[in-house]
Structure formats: structure tokens, C-alpha cells
């Protein structure tokens, strides 16, 4: 009987060890679940990218408006008899203040 209890205890220990170490163990399962989550996130990002590309392709096939818009924004192209104006805002000031001709900035600072 003593040998039977010892053998059963050893088998129980081996089963518990196999549960926590090696192939099919809990840590391996958790690692695979983390990999699945990462792949699902990557798949979702790829789906979004595919959706954007599909929308751009449909716009390009539907007419010239999308092509013209892209040429204007990315390549800086303009049509004939158009004038290009570039507005550069000063980053230091959030809202530019218009100076009236009657105001002189040098005299208003000393008053």
C-alpha cells in the first residue's frame, strides 16, 4: 500500500509539473493568447488601411475631382490663370492682430 501511495503521489506531481511547464502548459497558453491579440490588432489595422485604399481607388475611378484634389494638395499644382497664395501664420501668436493705419505700434508701447 505504501508503494501505491508513493506512485500515485509521483504521478500527481508529474501531472502538475506538466500543467505548468512545457508544451500545452498554462504559460504557453497565455503566450499564445497574447500573440492572438496582437495579430487581431494588426489585422484590424490592415483592414482599416485596406478600407482607405479601397475608398481612394473608388474616388479615382469615379472622376477627375479626386485626382485634381490630390494633385493640388500633394504636388502643389494649380490651374491656368490661377494665382497661388501661401498664408504663413506666426506660431508665437495664436491669433494675428491687425494693425490699423492710424495706430503706430512704436508710439502705443510708450504710452
PDB file of N, CA and C in Angstrom:
ATOM      1  N   UNK A   1       0.814  -1.188   0.000  1.00  0.00           N
ATOM      2  CA  UNK A   1       0.000   0.000   0.000  1.00  0.00           C
ATOM      3  C   UNK A   1       0.862   1.259   0.000  1.00  0.00           C
ATOM      4  N   UNK A   2       1.991   1.176   0.713  1.00  0.00           N
ATOM      5  CA  UNK A   2       2.902   2.305   0.784  1.00  0.00           C
ATOM      6  C   UNK A   2       3.454   2.641  -0.603  1.00  0.00           C
ATOM      7  N   UNK A   3       3.742   1.625  -1.399  1.00  0.00           N
ATOM      8  CA  UNK A   3       4.272   1.844  -2.745  1.00  0.00           C
ATOM      9  C   UNK A   3       3.209   2.453  -3.668  1.00  0.00           C
ATOM     10  N   UNK A   4       1.997   2.027  -3.499  1.00  0.00           N
ATOM     11  CA  UNK A   4       0.899   2.551  -4.311  1.00  0.00           C
ATOM     12  C   UNK A   4       0.677   4.039  -4.033  1.00  0.00           C
ATOM     13  N   UNK A   5       0.718   4.431  -2.790  1.00  0.00           N
ATOM     14  CA  UNK A   5       0.570   5.850  -2.432  1.00  0.00           C
ATOM     15  C   UNK A   5       1.738   6.652  -2.975  1.00  0.00           C
ATOM     16  N   UNK A   6       2.940   6.127  -2.909  1.00  0.00           N
ATOM     17  CA  UNK A   6       4.127   6.820  -3.427  1.00  0.00           C
ATOM     18  C   UNK A   6       4.021   6.989  -4.938  1.00  0.00           C
ATOM     19  N   UNK A   7       3.608   5.933  -5.632  1.00  0.00           N
ATOM     20  CA  UNK A   7       3.470   6.006  -7.094  1.00  0.00           C
ATOM     21  C   UNK A   7       2.389   7.018  -7.460  1.00  0.00           C
ATOM     22  N   UNK A   8       1.280   7.013  -6.759  1.00  0.00           N
ATOM     23  CA  UNK A   8       0.207   7.974  -7.041  1.00  0.00           C
ATOM     24  C   UNK A   8       0.660   9.410  -6.770  1.00  0.00           C
ATOM     25  N   UNK A   9       1.414   9.621  -5.715  1.00  0.00           N
ATOM     26  CA  UNK A   9       1.932  10.950  -5.404  1.00  0.00           C
ATOM     27  C   UNK A   9       2.890  11.417  -6.493  1.00  0.00           C
ATOM     28  N   UNK A  10       3.761  10.530  -6.968  1.00  0.00           N
ATOM     29  CA  UNK A  10       4.707  10.880  -8.045  1.00  0.00           C
ATOM     30  C   UNK A  10       3.942  11.201  -9.322  1.00  0.00           C
ATOM     31  N   UNK A  11       2.937  10.418  -9.658  1.00  0.00           N
ATOM     32  CA  UNK A  11       2.128  10.700 -10.851  1.00  0.00           C
ATOM     33  C   UNK A  11       1.403  12.043 -10.730  1.00  0.00           C
ATOM     34  N   UNK A  12       0.879  12.324  -9.558  1.00  0.00           N
ATOM     35  CA  UNK A  12       0.217  13.602  -9.341  1.00  0.00           C
ATOM     36  C   UNK A  12       1.195  14.759  -9.512  1.00  0.00           C
ATOM     37  N   UNK A  13       2.389  14.626  -8.991  1.00  0.00           N
ATOM     38  CA  UNK A  13       3.420  15.670  -9.129  1.00  0.00           C
ATOM     39  C   UNK A  13       3.798  15.839 -10.596  1.00  0.00           C
ATOM     40  N   UNK A  14       3.943  14.723 -11.331  1.00  0.00           N
ATOM     41  CA  UNK A  14       4.273  14.802 -12.758  1.00  0.00           C
ATOM     42  C   UNK A  14       3.158  15.491 -13.544  1.00  0.00           C
ATOM     43  N   UNK A  15       1.930  15.213 -13.211  1.00  0.00           N
ATOM     44  CA  UNK A  15       0.810  15.874 -13.882  1.00  0.00           C
ATOM     45  C   UNK A  15       0.787  17.373 -13.599  1.00  0.00           C
ATOM     46  N   UNK A  16       1.045  17.739 -12.355  1.00  0.00           N
ATOM     47  CA  UNK A  16       1.077  19.162 -12.008  1.00  0.00           C
ATOM     48  C   UNK A  16       2.242  19.880 -12.677  1.00  0.00           C
ATOM     49  N   UNK A  17       3.375  19.227 -12.765  1.00  0.00           N
ATOM     50  CA  UNK A  17       4.535  19.828 -13.440  1.00  0.00           C
ATOM     51  C   UNK A  17       4.231  20.019 -14.918  1.00  0.00           C
ATOM     52  N   UNK A  18       3.607  19.013 -15.541  1.00  0.00           N
ATOM     53  CA  UNK A  18       3.283  19.140 -16.967  1.00  0.00           C
ATOM     54  C   UNK A  18       2.244  20.227 -17.198  1.00  0.00           C
ATOM     55  N   UNK A  19       1.450  20.506 -16.183  1.00  0.00           N
ATOM     56  CA  UNK A  19       0.459  21.568 -16.299  1.00  0.00           C
ATOM     57  C   UNK A  19       1.111  22.950 -16.341  1.00  0.00           C
ATOM     58  N   UNK A  20       2.242  23.127 -15.691  1.00  0.00           N
ATOM     59  CA  UNK A  20       2.899  24.436 -15.584  1.00  0.00           C
ATOM     60  C   UNK A  20       4.165  24.564 -16.407  1.00  0.00           C
ATOM     61  N   UNK A  21       4.702  23.474 -16.944  1.00  0.00           N
ATOM     62  CA  UNK A  21       5.958  23.525 -17.696  1.00  0.00           C
ATOM     63  C   UNK A  21       5.785  22.757 -18.997  1.00  0.00           C
ATOM     64  N   UNK A  22       6.339  23.303 -20.086  1.00  0.00           N
ATOM     65  CA  UNK A  22       6.365  22.583 -21.349  1.00  0.00           C
ATOM     66  C   UNK A  22       5.215  22.925 -22.268  1.00  0.00           C
ATOM     67  N   UNK A  23       5.093  22.099 -23.304  1.00  0.00           N
ATOM     68  CA  UNK A  23       4.080  22.295 -24.343  1.00  0.00           C
ATOM     69  C   UNK A  23       2.688  22.039 -23.771  1.00  0.00           C
ATOM     70  N   UNK A  24       1.763  22.939 -24.015  1.00  0.00           N
ATOM     71  CA  UNK A  24       0.405  22.787 -23.517  1.00  0.00           C
ATOM     72  C   UNK A  24       0.205  23.268 -22.103  1.00  0.00           C
ATOM     73  N   UNK A  25       1.198  23.919 -21.538  1.00  0.00           N
ATOM     74  CA  UNK A  25       1.077  24.407 -20.166  1.00  0.00           C
ATOM     75  C   UNK A  25       0.337  25.745 -20.144  1.00  0.00           C
ATOM     76  N   UNK A  26       0.002  26.176 -18.953  1.00  0.00           N
ATOM     77  CA  UNK A  26      -0.690  27.463 -18.812  1.00  0.00           C
ATOM     78  C   UNK A  26       0.144  28.636 -19.334  1.00  0.00           C
ATOM     79  N   UNK A  27       1.437  28.753 -18.996  1.00  0.00           N
ATOM     80  CA  UNK A  27       2.204  29.885 -19.554  1.00  0.00           C
ATOM     81  C   UNK A  27       2.279  29.864 -21.082  1.00  0.00           C
ATOM     82  N   UNK A  28       2.375  28.693 -21.685  1.00  0.00           N
ATOM     83  CA  UNK A  28       2.382  28.608 -23.147  1.00  0.00           C
ATOM     84  C   UNK A  28       1.037  29.048 -23.712  1.00  0.00           C
ATOM     85  N   UNK A  29      -0.039  28.665 -23.034  1.00  0.00           N
ATOM     86  CA  UNK A  29      -1.374  29.080 -23.461  1.00  0.00           C
ATOM     87  C   UNK A  29      -1.530  30.590 -23.373  1.00  0.00           C
ATOM     88  N   UNK A  30      -1.058  31.181 -22.293  1.00  0.00           N
ATOM     89  CA  UNK A  30      -1.150  32.636 -22.130  1.00  0.00           C
ATOM     90  C   UNK A  30      -0.340  33.365 -23.191  1.00  0.00           C
ATOM     91  N   UNK A  31       0.833  32.822 -23.518  1.00  0.00           N
ATOM     92  CA  UNK A  31       1.665  33.442 -24.549  1.00  0.00           C
ATOM     93  C   UNK A  31       0.954  33.380 -25.903  1.00  0.00           C
ATOM     94  N   UNK A  32       0.344  32.262 -26.210  1.00  0.00           N
ATOM     95  CA  UNK A  32      -0.390  32.143 -27.470  1.00  0.00           C
ATOM     96  C   UNK A  32      -1.589  33.090 -27.512  1.00  0.00           C
ATOM     97  N   UNK A  33      -2.270  33.270 -26.392  1.00  0.00           N
ATOM     98  CA  UNK A  33      -3.389  34.214 -26.349  1.00  0.00           C
ATOM     99  C   UNK A  33      -2.912  35.645 -26.593  1.00  0.00           C
ATOM    100  N   UNK A  34      -1.744  36.006 -26.039  1.00  0.00           N
ATOM    101  CA  UNK A  34      -1.190  37.343 -26.277  1.00  0.00           C
ATOM    102  C   UNK A  34      -0.823  37.523 -27.749  1.00  0.00           C
ATOM    103  N   UNK A  35      -0.264  36.483 -28.354  1.00  0.00           N
ATOM    104  CA  UNK A  35       0.073  36.549 -29.780  1.00  0.00           C
ATOM    105  C   UNK A  35      -1.183  36.697 -30.632  1.00  0.00           C
ATOM    106  N   UNK A  36      -2.250  36.003 -30.250  1.00  0.00           N
ATOM    107  CA  UNK A  36      -3.516  36.106 -30.987  1.00  0.00           C
ATOM    108  C   UNK A  36      -4.062  37.527 -30.892  1.00  0.00           C
ATOM    109  N   UNK A  37      -4.009  38.140 -29.710  1.00  0.00           N
ATOM    110  CA  UNK A  37      -4.490  39.520 -29.552  1.00  0.00           C
ATOM    111  C   UNK A  37      -3.685  40.484 -30.407  1.00  0.00           C
ATOM    112  N   UNK A  38      -2.354  40.294 -30.427  1.00  0.00           N
ATOM    113  CA  UNK A  38      -1.504  41.171 -31.244  1.00  0.00           C
ATOM    114  C   UNK A  38      -1.829  41.009 -32.721  1.00  0.00           C
ATOM    115  N   UNK A  39      -2.049  39.781 -33.164  1.00  0.00           N
ATOM    116  CA  UNK A  39      -2.386  39.545 -34.570  1.00  0.00           C
ATOM    117  C   UNK A  39      -3.751  40.119 -34.916  1.00  0.00           C
ATOM    118  N   UNK A  40      -4.706  40.037 -33.986  1.00  0.00           N
ATOM    119  CA  UNK A  40      -6.015  40.619 -34.237  1.00  0.00           C
ATOM    120  C   UNK A  40      -5.936  42.133 -34.364  1.00  0.00           C
ATOM    121  N   UNK A  41      -5.113  42.780 -33.539  1.00  0.00           N
ATOM    122  CA  UNK A  41      -4.919  44.229 -33.658  1.00  0.00           C
ATOM    123  C   UNK A  41      -4.274  44.573 -34.996  1.00  0.00           C
ATOM    124  N   UNK A  42      -3.282  43.787 -35.387  1.00  0.00           N
ATOM    125  CA  UNK A  42      -2.609  44.025 -36.662  1.00  0.00           C
ATOM    126  C   UNK A  42      -3.592  43.824 -37.821  1.00  0.00           C
ATOM    127  N   UNK A  43      -4.441  42.812 -37.726  1.00  0.00           N
ATOM    128  CA  UNK A  43      -5.444  42.578 -38.760  1.00  0.00           C
ATOM    129  C   UNK A  43      -6.423  43.743 -38.846  1.00  0.00           C
ATOM    130  N   UNK A  44      -6.827  44.285 -37.713  1.00  0.00           N
ATOM    131  CA  UNK A  44      -7.748  45.420 -37.708  1.00  0.00           C
ATOM    132  C   UNK A  44      -7.105  46.652 -38.358  1.00  0.00           C
ATOM    133  N   UNK A  45      -5.824  46.872 -38.077  1.00  0.00           N
ATOM    134  CA  UNK A  45      -5.116  47.988 -38.712  1.00  0.00           C
ATOM    135  C   UNK A  45      -5.042  47.783 -40.224  1.00  0.00           C
ATOM    136  N   UNK A  46      -4.781  46.561 -40.639  1.00  0.00           N
ATOM    137  CA  UNK A  46      -4.717  46.278 -42.071  1.00  0.00           C
ATOM    138  C   UNK A  46      -6.086  46.433 -42.735  1.00  0.00           C
ATOM    139  N   UNK A  47      -7.148  46.045 -42.030  1.00  0.00           N
ATOM    140  CA  UNK A  47      -8.497  46.238 -42.575  1.00  0.00           C
ATOM    141  C   UNK A  47      -8.786  47.720 -42.782  1.00  0.00           C
ATOM    142  N   UNK A  48      -8.394  48.550 -41.816  1.00  0.00           N
ATOM    143  CA  UNK A  48      -8.609  49.995 -41.933  1.00  0.00           C
ATOM    144  C   UNK A  48      -7.815  50.566 -43.104  1.00  0.00           C
ATOM    145  N   UNK A  49      -6.574  50.124 -43.240  1.00  0.00           N
ATOM    146  CA  UNK A  49      -5.744  50.577 -44.360  1.00  0.00           C
ATOM    147  C   UNK A  49      -6.358  50.138 -45.689  1.00  0.00           C
ATOM    148  N   UNK A  50      -6.828  48.906 -45.757  1.00  0.00           N
ATOM    149  CA  UNK A  50      -7.473  48.417 -46.977  1.00  0.00           C
ATOM    150  C   UNK A  50      -8.727  49.217 -47.296  1.00  0.00           C
ATOM    151  N   UNK A  51      -9.486  49.572 -46.254  1.00  0.00           N
ATOM    152  CA  UNK A  51     -10.687  50.368 -46.467  1.00  0.00           C
ATOM    153  C   UNK A  51     -10.351  51.738 -47.043  1.00  0.00           C
ATOM    154  N   UNK A  52      -9.300  52.359 -46.513  1.00  0.00           N
ATOM    155  CA  UNK A  52      -8.882  53.670 -47.012  1.00  0.00           C
ATOM    156  C   UNK A  52      -8.413  53.578 -48.464  1.00  0.00           C
ATOM    157  N   UNK A  53      -7.633  52.557 -48.756  1.00  0.00           N
ATOM    158  CA  UNK A  53      -7.129  52.391 -50.128  1.00  0.00           C
ATOM    159  C   UNK A  53      -8.284  52.121 -51.079  1.00  0.00           C
ATOM    160  N   UNK A  54      -9.248  51.298 -50.653  1.00  0.00           N
ATOM    161  CA  UNK A  54     -10.412  50.999 -51.484  1.00  0.00           C
ATOM    162  C   UNK A  54     -11.216  52.277 -51.757  1.00  0.00           C
ATOM    163  N   UNK A  55     -11.369  53.130 -50.735  1.00  0.00           N
ATOM    164  CA  UNK A  55     -12.105  54.389 -50.915  1.00  0.00           C
ATOM    165  C   UNK A  55     -11.370  55.316 -51.881  1.00  0.00           C
ATOM    166  N   UNK A  56     -10.049  55.397 -51.765  1.00  0.00           N
ATOM    167  CA  UNK A  56      -9.277  56.227 -52.688  1.00  0.00           C
ATOM    168  C   UNK A  56      -9.379  55.697 -54.108  1.00  0.00           C
ATOM    169  N   UNK A  57      -9.354  54.384 -54.255  1.00  0.00           N
ATOM    170  CA  UNK A  57      -9.456  53.775 -55.581  1.00  0.00           C
ATOM    171  C   UNK A  57     -10.821  54.067 -56.205  1.00  0.00           C
ATOM    172  N   UNK A  58     -11.874  53.957 -55.422  1.00  0.00           N
ATOM    173  CA  UNK A  58     -13.215  54.263 -55.935  1.00  0.00           C
ATOM    174  C   UNK A  58     -13.324  55.730 -56.323  1.00  0.00           C
ATOM    175  N   UNK A  59     -12.728  56.628 -55.517  1.00  0.00           N
ATOM    176  CA  UNK A  59     -12.738  58.052 -55.859  1.00  0.00           C
ATOM    177  C   UNK A  59     -11.982  58.302 -57.157  1.00  0.00           C
ATOM    178  N   UNK A  60     -10.843  57.641 -57.310  1.00  0.00           N
ATOM    179  CA  UNK A  60     -10.042  57.852 -58.515  1.00  0.00           C
ATOM    180  C   UNK A  60     -10.759  57.310 -59.753  1.00  0.00           C
ATOM    181  N   UNK A  61     -11.485  56.218 -59.594  1.00  0.00           N
ATOM    182  CA  UNK A  61     -12.193  55.649 -60.734  1.00  0.00           C
ATOM    183  C   UNK A  61     -13.468  56.412 -61.066  1.00  0.00           C
ATOM    184  N   UNK A  62     -14.045  57.089 -60.087  1.00  0.00           N
ATOM    185  CA  UNK A  62     -15.333  57.745 -60.314  1.00  0.00           C
ATOM    186  C   UNK A  62     -15.208  59.055 -61.097  1.00  0.00           C
ATOM    187  N   UNK A  63     -14.107  59.741 -60.989  1.00  0.00           N
ATOM    188  CA  UNK A  63     -13.998  61.002 -61.715  1.00  0.00           C
ATOM    189  C   UNK A  63     -12.656  61.665 -61.508  1.00  0.00           C
ATOM    190  N   UNK A  64     -12.538  62.858 -62.073  1.00  0.00           N
ATOM    191  CA  UNK A  64     -11.279  63.592 -62.018  1.00  0.00           C
ATOM    192  C   UNK A  64     -11.150  64.464 -60.780  1.00  0.00           C
ATOM    193  N   UNK A  65     -12.211  64.629 -60.021  1.00  0.00           N
ATOM    194  CA  UNK A  65     -12.170  65.525 -58.867  1.00  0.00           C
ATOM    195  C   UNK A  65     -11.160  65.045 -57.828  1.00  0.00           C
ATOM    196  N   UNK A  66     -11.112  63.752 -57.588  1.00  0.00           N
ATOM    197  CA  UNK A  66     -10.172  63.218 -56.597  1.00  0.00           C
ATOM    198  C   UNK A  66      -8.737  63.371 -57.080  1.00  0.00           C
ATOM    199  N   UNK A  67      -8.519  63.145 -58.364  1.00  0.00           N
ATOM    200  CA  UNK A  67      -7.169  63.286 -58.918  1.00  0.00           C
ATOM    201  C   UNK A  67      -6.720  64.742 -58.838  1.00  0.00           C
ATOM    202  N   UNK A  68      -7.625  65.650 -59.155  1.00  0.00           N
ATOM    203  CA  UNK A  68      -7.300  67.072 -59.093  1.00  0.00           C
ATOM    204  C   UNK A  68      -7.012  67.498 -57.655  1.00  0.00           C
ATOM    205  N   UNK A  69      -7.827  67.039 -56.728  1.00  0.00           N
ATOM    206  CA  UNK A  69      -7.618  67.388 -55.319  1.00  0.00           C
ATOM    207  C   UNK A  69      -6.265  66.877 -54.820  1.00  0.00           C
ATOM    208  N   UNK A  70      -5.936  65.659 -55.192  1.00  0.00           N
ATOM    209  CA  UNK A  70      -4.648  65.083 -54.772  1.00  0.00           C
ATOM    210  C   UNK A  70      -3.475  65.840 -55.396  1.00  0.00           C
ATOM    211  N   UNK A  71      -3.600  66.218 -56.666  1.00  0.00           N
ATOM    212  CA  UNK A  71      -2.534  66.968 -57.331  1.00  0.00           C
ATOM    213  C   UNK A  71      -2.342  68.327 -56.677  1.00  0.00           C
ATOM    214  N   UNK A  72      -3.430  68.956 -56.267  1.00  0.00           N
ATOM    215  CA  UNK A  72      -3.320  70.260 -55.607  1.00  0.00           C
ATOM    216  C   UNK A  72      -2.688  70.141 -54.227  1.00  0.00           C
ATOM    217  N   UNK A  73      -3.138  69.177 -53.440  1.00  0.00           N
ATOM    218  CA  UNK A  73      -2.662  69.095 -52.054  1.00  0.00           C
ATOM    219  C   UNK A  73      -1.263  68.509 -51.947  1.00  0.00           C
ATOM    220  N   UNK A  74      -0.963  67.466 -52.707  1.00  0.00           N
ATOM    221  CA  UNK A  74       0.325  66.788 -52.553  1.00  0.00           C
ATOM    222  C   UNK A  74       1.405  67.326 -53.466  1.00  0.00           C
ATOM    223  N   UNK A  75       1.028  67.753 -54.657  1.00  0.00           N
ATOM    224  CA  UNK A  75       2.037  68.203 -55.624  1.00  0.00           C
ATOM    225  C   UNK A  75       2.089  69.712 -55.780  1.00  0.00           C
ATOM    226  N   UNK A  76       1.129  70.419 -55.196  1.00  0.00           N
ATOM    227  CA  UNK A  76       1.130  71.877 -55.269  1.00  0.00           C
ATOM    228  C   UNK A  76       0.807  72.411 -56.656  1.00  0.00           C
ATOM    229  N   UNK A  77       0.064  71.673 -57.429  1.00  0.00           N
ATOM    230  CA  UNK A  77      -0.257  72.093 -58.789  1.00  0.00           C
ATOM    231  C   UNK A  77      -1.416  73.087 -58.771  1.00  0.00           C
ATOM    232  N   UNK A  78      -1.426  73.988 -59.768  1.00  0.00           N
ATOM    233  CA  UNK A  78      -2.507  74.957 -59.912  1.00  0.00           C
ATOM    234  C   UNK A  78      -2.974  74.956 -61.359  1.00  0.00           C
ATOM    235  N   UNK A  79      -4.158  75.488 -61.594  1.00  0.00           N
ATOM    236  CA  UNK A  79      -4.697  75.571 -62.940  1.00  0.00           C
ATOM    237  C   UNK A  79      -4.162  76.809 -63.648  1.00  0.00           C
ATOM    238  N   UNK A  80      -4.442  76.858 -64.943  1.00  0.00           N
ATOM    239  CA  UNK A  80      -4.079  78.055 -65.705  1.00  0.00           C
ATOM    240  C   UNK A  80      -4.901  79.237 -65.202  1.00  0.00           C
ATOM    241  N   UNK A  81      -4.306  80.391 -65.194  1.00  0.00           N
ATOM    242  CA  UNK A  81      -4.898  81.656 -64.764  1.00  0.00           C
ATOM    243  C   UNK A  81      -5.325  81.634 -63.299  1.00  0.00           C
ATOM    244  N   UNK A  82      -4.701  80.804 -62.488  1.00  0.00           N
ATOM    245  CA  UNK A  82      -4.917  80.827 -61.045  1.00  0.00           C
ATOM    246  C   UNK A  82      -3.678  81.401 -60.387  1.00  0.00           C
ATOM    247  N   UNK A  83      -3.877  82.043 -59.268  1.00  0.00           N
ATOM    248  CA  UNK A  83      -2.762  82.593 -58.510  1.00  0.00           C
ATOM    249  C   UNK A  83      -2.674  81.854 -57.189  1.00  0.00           C
ATOM    250  N   UNK A  84      -1.492  81.421 -56.850  1.00  0.00           N
ATOM    251  CA  UNK A  84      -1.279  80.659 -55.615  1.00  0.00           C
ATOM    252  C   UNK A  84      -0.851  81.617 -54.520  1.00  0.00           C
ATOM    253  N   UNK A  85      -1.574  81.622 -53.415  1.00  0.00           N
ATOM    254  CA  UNK A  85      -1.233  82.419 -52.246  1.00  0.00           C
ATOM    255  C   UNK A  85      -0.948  81.472 -51.092  1.00  0.00           C
ATOM    256  N   UNK A  86       0.183  81.645 -50.459  1.00  0.00           N
ATOM    257  CA  UNK A  86       0.523  80.831 -49.298  1.00  0.00           C
ATOM    258  C   UNK A  86       0.451  81.708 -48.061  1.00  0.00           C
ATOM    259  N   UNK A  87      -0.338  81.288 -47.092  1.00  0.00           N
ATOM    260  CA  UNK A  87      -0.514  82.039 -45.858  1.00  0.00           C
ATOM    261  C   UNK A  87       0.297  81.350 -44.778  1.00  0.00           C
ATOM    262  N   UNK A  88       1.230  82.084 -44.209  1.00  0.00           N
ATOM    263  CA  UNK A  88       2.071  81.540 -43.151  1.00  0.00           C
ATOM    264  C   UNK A  88       1.688  82.238 -41.859  1.00  0.00           C
ATOM    265  N   UNK A  89       1.232  81.464 -40.904  1.00  0.00           N
ATOM    266  CA  UNK A  89       0.839  82.015 -39.615  1.00  0.00           C
ATOM    267  C   UNK A  89       2.018  81.933 -38.664  1.00  0.00           C
ATOM    268  N   UNK A  90       2.177  82.987 -37.867  1.00  0.00           N
ATOM    269  CA  UNK A  90       3.234  83.006 -36.876  1.00  0.00           C
ATOM    270  C   UNK A  90       2.846  82.075 -35.738  1.00  0.00           C
ATOM    271  N   UNK A  91       3.706  81.155 -35.380  1.00  0.00           N
ATOM    272  CA  UNK A  91       3.376  80.176 -34.343  1.00  0.00           C
ATOM    273  C   UNK A  91       3.416  80.789 -32.945  1.00  0.00           C
ATOM    274  N   UNK A  92       4.090  81.904 -32.770  1.00  0.00           N
ATOM    275  CA  UNK A  92       4.189  82.531 -31.451  1.00  0.00           C
ATOM    276  C   UNK A  92       2.857  83.136 -31.033  1.00  0.00           C
ATOM    277  N   UNK A  93       2.157  83.715 -31.965  1.00  0.00           N
ATOM    278  CA  UNK A  93       0.871  84.330 -31.679  1.00  0.00           C
ATOM    279  C   UNK A  93      -0.228  83.385 -32.146  1.00  0.00           C
ATOM    280  N   UNK A  94      -1.210  83.167 -31.285  1.00  0.00           N
ATOM    281  CA  UNK A  94      -2.286  82.263 -31.660  1.00  0.00           C
ATOM    282  C   UNK A  94      -3.275  82.918 -32.609  1.00  0.00           C
ATOM    283  N   UNK A  95      -3.574  84.209 -32.389  1.00  0.00           N
ATOM    284  CA  UNK A  95      -4.463  84.906 -33.306  1.00  0.00           C
ATOM    285  C   UNK A  95      -3.757  86.183 -33.746  1.00  0.00           C
ATOM    286  N   UNK A  96      -3.533  86.317 -35.051  1.00  0.00           N
ATOM    287  CA  UNK A  96      -2.846  87.521 -35.529  1.00  0.00           C
ATOM    288  C   UNK A  96      -3.724  88.759 -35.318  1.00  0.00           C
ATOM    289  N   UNK A  97      -3.088  89.856 -34.905  1.00  0.00           N
ATOM    290  CA  UNK A  97      -3.792  91.102 -34.635  1.00  0.00           C
ATOM    291  C   UNK A  97      -3.552  92.045 -35.798  1.00  0.00           C
ATOM    292  N   UNK A  98      -4.608  92.574 -36.343  1.00  0.00           N
ATOM    293  CA  UNK A  98      -4.488  93.512 -37.455  1.00  0.00           C
ATOM    294  C   UNK A  98      -4.120  94.889 -36.912  1.00  0.00           C
ATOM    295  N   UNK A  99      -3.156  95.518 -37.555  1.00  0.00           N
ATOM    296  CA  UNK A  99      -2.724  96.852 -37.147  1.00  0.00           C
ATOM    297  C   UNK A  99      -3.374  97.856 -38.088  1.00  0.00           C
ATOM    298  N   UNK A 100      -4.133  98.785 -37.516  1.00  0.00           N
ATOM    299  CA  UNK A 100      -4.790  99.807 -38.320  1.00  0.00           C
ATOM    300  C   UNK A 100      -3.775 100.881 -38.710  1.00  0.00           C
ATOM    301  N   UNK A 101      -3.970 101.542 -39.851  1.00  0.00           N
ATOM    302  CA  UNK A 101      -3.031 102.577 -40.272  1.00  0.00           C
ATOM    303  C   UNK A 101      -2.948 103.723 -39.276  1.00  0.00           C
ATOM    304  N   UNK A 102      -4.014 103.992 -38.520  1.00  0.00           N
ATOM    305  CA  UNK A 102      -3.986 105.095 -37.570  1.00  0.00           C
ATOM    306  C   UNK A 102      -3.164 104.735 -36.334  1.00  0.00           C
ATOM    307  N   UNK A 103      -3.005 103.422 -36.075  1.00  0.00           N
ATOM    308  CA  UNK A 103      -2.207 103.004 -34.920  1.00  0.00           C
ATOM    309  C   UNK A 103      -0.749 102.892 -35.321  1.00  0.00           C
ATOM    310  N   UNK A 104       0.086 103.407 -34.496  1.00  0.00           N
ATOM    311  CA  UNK A 104       1.522 103.262 -34.726  1.00  0.00           C
ATOM    312  C   UNK A 104       2.053 102.386 -33.614  1.00  0.00           C
ATOM    313  N   UNK A 105       2.571 101.206 -33.890  1.00  0.00           N
ATOM    314  CA  UNK A 105       2.994 100.301 -32.837  1.00  0.00           C
ATOM    315  C   UNK A 105       4.118 100.858 -31.953  1.00  0.00           C
ATOM    316  N   UNK A 106       4.951 101.724 -32.501  1.00  0.00           N
ATOM    317  CA  UNK A 106       6.059 102.232 -31.691  1.00  0.00           C
ATOM    318  C   UNK A 106       5.562 103.250 -30.657  1.00  0.00           C
ATOM    319  N   UNK A 107       4.518 104.024 -30.972  1.00  0.00           N
ATOM    320  CA  UNK A 107       4.042 105.011 -30.008  1.00  0.00           C
ATOM    321  C   UNK A 107       3.070 104.404 -28.991  1.00  0.00           C
ATOM    322  N   UNK A 108       2.354 103.358 -29.344  1.00  0.00           N
ATOM    323  CA  UNK A 108       1.400 102.781 -28.399  1.00  0.00           C
ATOM    324  C   UNK A 108       2.115 102.025 -27.282  1.00  0.00           C
ATOM    325  N   UNK A 109       3.315 101.591 -27.494  1.00  0.00           N
ATOM    326  CA  UNK A 109       4.052 100.862 -26.451  1.00  0.00           C
ATOM    327  C   UNK A 109       4.591 101.813 -25.416  1.00  0.00           C
ATOM    328  N   UNK A 110       4.860 103.079 -25.772  1.00  0.00           N
ATOM    329  CA  UNK A 110       5.428 104.023 -24.816  1.00  0.00           C
ATOM    330  C   UNK A 110       4.353 104.743 -24.016  1.00  0.00           C
ATOM    331  N   UNK A 111       3.116 104.756 -24.444  1.00  0.00           N
ATOM    332  CA  UNK A 111       2.057 105.472 -23.755  1.00  0.00           C
ATOM    333  C   UNK A 111       1.545 104.757 -22.567  1.00  0.00           C
TER     334      UNK A 111
END
